[in-house]
């Protein structure tokens, strides 16, 4: 049955992408979760740690340790929040920008390899189908919240 194949294809592909990305980025001394944090921070620079934890869907204590490591690596800095003395705002340091560009390049190259032999039109169709799946699941999630 097709569902059985699809049911395992998504996690298998995700696992392969993670493993290959980690392999290709090994020499950059940054983990994939740290990369995700840096990307979100680049998009939401100046946010506090709680907001970044929500964006990454991780517990605040997990993020705190990650931010500690990124700060030690000279990739970001904490600045005190002028409106809340207990909070810290997060900002990228100049060293992070070239690293983000290199990680982005690695990700693009990996997806180019993954899409080998698939035409642009097929890729666009695949993206549209994946967007539809995402919408379907979001609707299921919303229905569950409304009924639960």
C-alpha atoms as a PDB file:
ATOM      1  CA  UNK A   1       0.000   0.000   0.000  1.00  0.00           C
ATOM      2  CA  UNK A   2       1.324   3.475  -0.890  1.00  0.00           C
ATOM      3  CA  UNK A   3       0.692   4.851   2.601  1.00  0.00           C
ATOM      4  CA  UNK A   4       3.133   2.338   4.067  1.00  0.00           C
ATOM      5  CA  UNK A   5       5.867   3.571   1.729  1.00  0.00           C
ATOM      6  CA  UNK A   6       5.125   7.237   2.397  1.00  0.00           C
ATOM      7  CA  UNK A   7       4.877   6.669   6.125  1.00  0.00           C
ATOM      8  CA  UNK A   8       8.526   5.642   6.229  1.00  0.00           C
ATOM      9  CA  UNK A   9       9.835   7.793   3.369  1.00  0.00           C
ATOM     10  CA  UNK A  10       9.485  11.111   5.205  1.00  0.00           C
ATOM     11  CA  UNK A  11      11.465  10.157   8.330  1.00  0.00           C
ATOM     12  CA  UNK A  12      14.027   8.211   6.275  1.00  0.00           C
ATOM     13  CA  UNK A  13      14.671  11.181   3.989  1.00  0.00           C
ATOM     14  CA  UNK A  14      14.861  13.570   6.952  1.00  0.00           C
ATOM     15  CA  UNK A  15      17.344  11.273   8.731  1.00  0.00           C
ATOM     16  CA  UNK A  16      19.518  10.983   5.598  1.00  0.00           C
ATOM     17  CA  UNK A  17      19.490  14.761   5.092  1.00  0.00           C
ATOM     18  CA  UNK A  18      20.478  15.364   8.729  1.00  0.00           C
ATOM     19  CA  UNK A  19      23.292  12.805   8.581  1.00  0.00           C
ATOM     20  CA  UNK A  20      24.704  14.094   5.293  1.00  0.00           C
ATOM     21  CA  UNK A  21      24.433  17.713   6.396  1.00  0.00           C
ATOM     22  CA  UNK A  22      26.265  16.925   9.631  1.00  0.00           C
ATOM     23  CA  UNK A  23      28.985  15.133   7.650  1.00  0.00           C
ATOM     24  CA  UNK A  24      29.454  18.048   5.263  1.00  0.00           C
ATOM     25  CA  UNK A  25      29.463  20.665   8.025  1.00  0.00           C
ATOM     26  CA  UNK A  26      31.716  18.684  10.387  1.00  0.00           C
ATOM     27  CA  UNK A  27      34.735  20.960  10.068  1.00  0.00           C
ATOM     28  CA  UNK A  28      32.758  24.116  10.877  1.00  0.00           C
ATOM     29  CA  UNK A  29      32.415  23.338  14.601  1.00  0.00           C
ATOM     30  CA  UNK A  30      28.693  24.024  14.738  1.00  0.00           C
ATOM     31  CA  UNK A  31      25.876  21.538  15.240  1.00  0.00           C
ATOM     32  CA  UNK A  32      22.667  21.471  13.238  1.00  0.00           C
ATOM     33  CA  UNK A  33      20.623  22.695  16.265  1.00  0.00           C
ATOM     34  CA  UNK A  34      23.093  25.560  16.681  1.00  0.00           C
ATOM     35  CA  UNK A  35      22.737  26.363  12.974  1.00  0.00           C
ATOM     36  CA  UNK A  36      18.950  26.456  13.364  1.00  0.00           C
ATOM     37  CA  UNK A  37      19.351  28.806  16.329  1.00  0.00           C
ATOM     38  CA  UNK A  38      21.652  31.099  14.354  1.00  0.00           C
ATOM     39  CA  UNK A  39      19.251  31.163  11.399  1.00  0.00           C
ATOM     40  CA  UNK A  40      16.299  32.045  13.616  1.00  0.00           C
ATOM     41  CA  UNK A  41      18.368  34.658  15.393  1.00  0.00           C
ATOM     42  CA  UNK A  42      19.386  36.186  12.053  1.00  0.00           C
ATOM     43  CA  UNK A  43      15.665  36.443  11.227  1.00  0.00           C
ATOM     44  CA  UNK A  44      14.684  37.756  14.674  1.00  0.00           C
ATOM     45  CA  UNK A  45      17.785  39.540  15.868  1.00  0.00           C
ATOM     46  CA  UNK A  46      17.348  41.206  19.232  1.00  0.00           C
ATOM     47  CA  UNK A  47      14.737  38.704  20.448  1.00  0.00           C
ATOM     48  CA  UNK A  48      14.959  37.343  23.962  1.00  0.00           C
ATOM     49  CA  UNK A  49      15.880  33.768  24.830  1.00  0.00           C
ATOM     50  CA  UNK A  50      12.271  32.770  25.528  1.00  0.00           C
ATOM     51  CA  UNK A  51      11.172  33.898  22.078  1.00  0.00           C
ATOM     52  CA  UNK A  52      14.058  32.060  20.437  1.00  0.00           C
ATOM     53  CA  UNK A  53      13.218  28.894  22.398  1.00  0.00           C
ATOM     54  CA  UNK A  54       9.618  29.135  21.150  1.00  0.00           C
ATOM     55  CA  UNK A  55      10.779  29.636  17.556  1.00  0.00           C
ATOM     56  CA  UNK A  56      12.996  26.555  17.803  1.00  0.00           C
ATOM     57  CA  UNK A  57      10.396  24.557  19.749  1.00  0.00           C
ATOM     58  CA  UNK A  58      12.882  23.667  22.485  1.00  0.00           C
ATOM     59  CA  UNK A  59      12.802  24.065  26.235  1.00  0.00           C
ATOM     60  CA  UNK A  60      14.332  27.317  27.551  1.00  0.00           C
ATOM     61  CA  UNK A  61      16.998  25.412  29.524  1.00  0.00           C
ATOM     62  CA  UNK A  62      18.066  23.584  26.345  1.00  0.00           C
ATOM     63  CA  UNK A  63      18.346  26.873  24.505  1.00  0.00           C
ATOM     64  CA  UNK A  64      20.251  28.474  27.381  1.00  0.00           C
ATOM     65  CA  UNK A  65      23.019  25.860  27.092  1.00  0.00           C
ATOM     66  CA  UNK A  66      23.082  26.272  23.307  1.00  0.00           C
ATOM     67  CA  UNK A  67      23.330  30.063  23.630  1.00  0.00           C
ATOM     68  CA  UNK A  68      26.145  29.607  26.162  1.00  0.00           C
ATOM     69  CA  UNK A  69      28.123  27.551  23.601  1.00  0.00           C
ATOM     70  CA  UNK A  70      27.424  29.970  20.757  1.00  0.00           C
ATOM     71  CA  UNK A  71      28.472  32.878  22.944  1.00  0.00           C
ATOM     72  CA  UNK A  72      31.678  31.055  23.948  1.00  0.00           C
ATOM     73  CA  UNK A  73      32.341  30.471  20.236  1.00  0.00           C
ATOM     74  CA  UNK A  74      32.085  34.194  19.534  1.00  0.00           C
ATOM     75  CA  UNK A  75      28.989  33.811  17.344  1.00  0.00           C
ATOM     76  CA  UNK A  76      26.455  35.735  19.396  1.00  0.00           C
ATOM     77  CA  UNK A  77      26.194  37.968  22.391  1.00  0.00           C
ATOM     78  CA  UNK A  78      23.666  38.597  25.097  1.00  0.00           C
ATOM     79  CA  UNK A  79      22.737  42.180  25.820  1.00  0.00           C
ATOM     80  CA  UNK A  80      20.610  43.275  28.726  1.00  0.00           C
ATOM     81  CA  UNK A  81      17.016  44.149  27.872  1.00  0.00           C
ATOM     82  CA  UNK A  82      16.347  47.835  28.631  1.00  0.00           C
ATOM     83  CA  UNK A  83      12.692  47.055  29.476  1.00  0.00           C
ATOM     84  CA  UNK A  84      13.336  43.992  31.672  1.00  0.00           C
ATOM     85  CA  UNK A  85      16.460  43.713  33.812  1.00  0.00           C
ATOM     86  CA  UNK A  86      15.979  39.930  34.122  1.00  0.00           C
ATOM     87  CA  UNK A  87      15.916  39.302  30.349  1.00  0.00           C
ATOM     88  CA  UNK A  88      18.646  39.136  27.739  1.00  0.00           C
ATOM     89  CA  UNK A  89      18.414  40.103  24.084  1.00  0.00           C
ATOM     90  CA  UNK A  90      20.424  38.056  21.590  1.00  0.00           C
ATOM     91  CA  UNK A  91      22.500  39.457  18.742  1.00  0.00           C
ATOM     92  CA  UNK A  92      24.732  37.853  16.148  1.00  0.00           C
ATOM     93  CA  UNK A  93      28.393  38.800  16.158  1.00  0.00           C
ATOM     94  CA  UNK A  94      30.260  39.480  12.887  1.00  0.00           C
ATOM     95  CA  UNK A  95      31.906  36.029  13.010  1.00  0.00           C
ATOM     96  CA  UNK A  96      28.469  34.379  12.606  1.00  0.00           C
ATOM     97  CA  UNK A  97      27.576  35.871   9.217  1.00  0.00           C
ATOM     98  CA  UNK A  98      30.228  34.093   7.078  1.00  0.00           C
ATOM     99  CA  UNK A  99      29.490  30.868   8.961  1.00  0.00           C
ATOM    100  CA  UNK A 100      25.786  31.189   8.165  1.00  0.00           C
ATOM    101  CA  UNK A 101      26.616  31.787   4.504  1.00  0.00           C
ATOM    102  CA  UNK A 102      28.803  28.656   4.428  1.00  0.00           C
ATOM    103  CA  UNK A 103      26.150  26.538   6.169  1.00  0.00           C
ATOM    104  CA  UNK A 104      23.544  27.849   3.739  1.00  0.00           C
ATOM    105  CA  UNK A 105      25.796  26.856   0.824  1.00  0.00           C
ATOM    106  CA  UNK A 106      26.216  23.362   2.274  1.00  0.00           C
ATOM    107  CA  UNK A 107      22.440  23.052   2.613  1.00  0.00           C
ATOM    108  CA  UNK A 108      21.875  24.234  -0.957  1.00  0.00           C
ATOM    109  CA  UNK A 109      24.474  21.798  -2.313  1.00  0.00           C
ATOM    110  CA  UNK A 110      22.904  18.943  -0.360  1.00  0.00           C
ATOM    111  CA  UNK A 111      19.438  19.691  -1.717  1.00  0.00           C
ATOM    112  CA  UNK A 112      20.862  20.023  -5.219  1.00  0.00           C
ATOM    113  CA  UNK A 113      22.306  16.523  -4.805  1.00  0.00           C
ATOM    114  CA  UNK A 114      18.991  15.261  -3.398  1.00  0.00           C
ATOM    115  CA  UNK A 115      17.047  16.712  -6.349  1.00  0.00           C
ATOM    116  CA  UNK A 116      19.396  15.242  -8.981  1.00  0.00           C
ATOM    117  CA  UNK A 117      17.364  13.882 -11.880  1.00  0.00           C
ATOM    118  CA  UNK A 118      14.180  15.698 -10.813  1.00  0.00           C
ATOM    119  CA  UNK A 119      13.157  18.503 -13.158  1.00  0.00           C
ATOM    120  CA  UNK A 120      12.395  22.018 -11.938  1.00  0.00           C
ATOM    121  CA  UNK A 121       8.732  21.449 -12.793  1.00  0.00           C
ATOM    122  CA  UNK A 122       8.689  18.225 -10.750  1.00  0.00           C
ATOM    123  CA  UNK A 123      10.416  20.008  -7.861  1.00  0.00           C
ATOM    124  CA  UNK A 124       7.793  22.772  -7.963  1.00  0.00           C
ATOM    125  CA  UNK A 125       5.036  20.154  -7.988  1.00  0.00           C
ATOM    126  CA  UNK A 126       6.673  18.326  -5.077  1.00  0.00           C
ATOM    127  CA  UNK A 127       6.892  21.571  -3.106  1.00  0.00           C
ATOM    128  CA  UNK A 128       3.218  22.279  -3.773  1.00  0.00           C
ATOM    129  CA  UNK A 129       2.290  18.778  -2.591  1.00  0.00           C
ATOM    130  CA  UNK A 130       4.410  19.094   0.544  1.00  0.00           C
ATOM    131  CA  UNK A 131       2.791  22.476   1.263  1.00  0.00           C
ATOM    132  CA  UNK A 132      -0.617  20.799   0.925  1.00  0.00           C
ATOM    133  CA  UNK A 133       0.423  18.044   3.336  1.00  0.00           C
ATOM    134  CA  UNK A 134       1.654  20.709   5.770  1.00  0.00           C
ATOM    135  CA  UNK A 135      -1.694  22.545   5.512  1.00  0.00           C
ATOM    136  CA  UNK A 136      -3.638  19.309   6.000  1.00  0.00           C
ATOM    137  CA  UNK A 137      -1.659  18.479   9.119  1.00  0.00           C
ATOM    138  CA  UNK A 138      -2.027  22.019  10.476  1.00  0.00           C
ATOM    139  CA  UNK A 139      -5.785  21.729  10.001  1.00  0.00           C
ATOM    140  CA  UNK A 140      -5.806  18.348  11.799  1.00  0.00           C
ATOM    141  CA  UNK A 141      -3.809  19.910  14.615  1.00  0.00           C
ATOM    142  CA  UNK A 142      -6.209  22.869  14.841  1.00  0.00           C
ATOM    143  CA  UNK A 143      -9.219  20.515  14.837  1.00  0.00           C
ATOM    144  CA  UNK A 144      -7.618  18.490  17.631  1.00  0.00           C
ATOM    145  CA  UNK A 145      -7.079  21.648  19.695  1.00  0.00           C
ATOM    146  CA  UNK A 146     -10.674  22.776  19.106  1.00  0.00           C
ATOM    147  CA  UNK A 147     -12.084  19.388  20.089  1.00  0.00           C
ATOM    148  CA  UNK A 148      -9.630  18.460  22.775  1.00  0.00           C
END
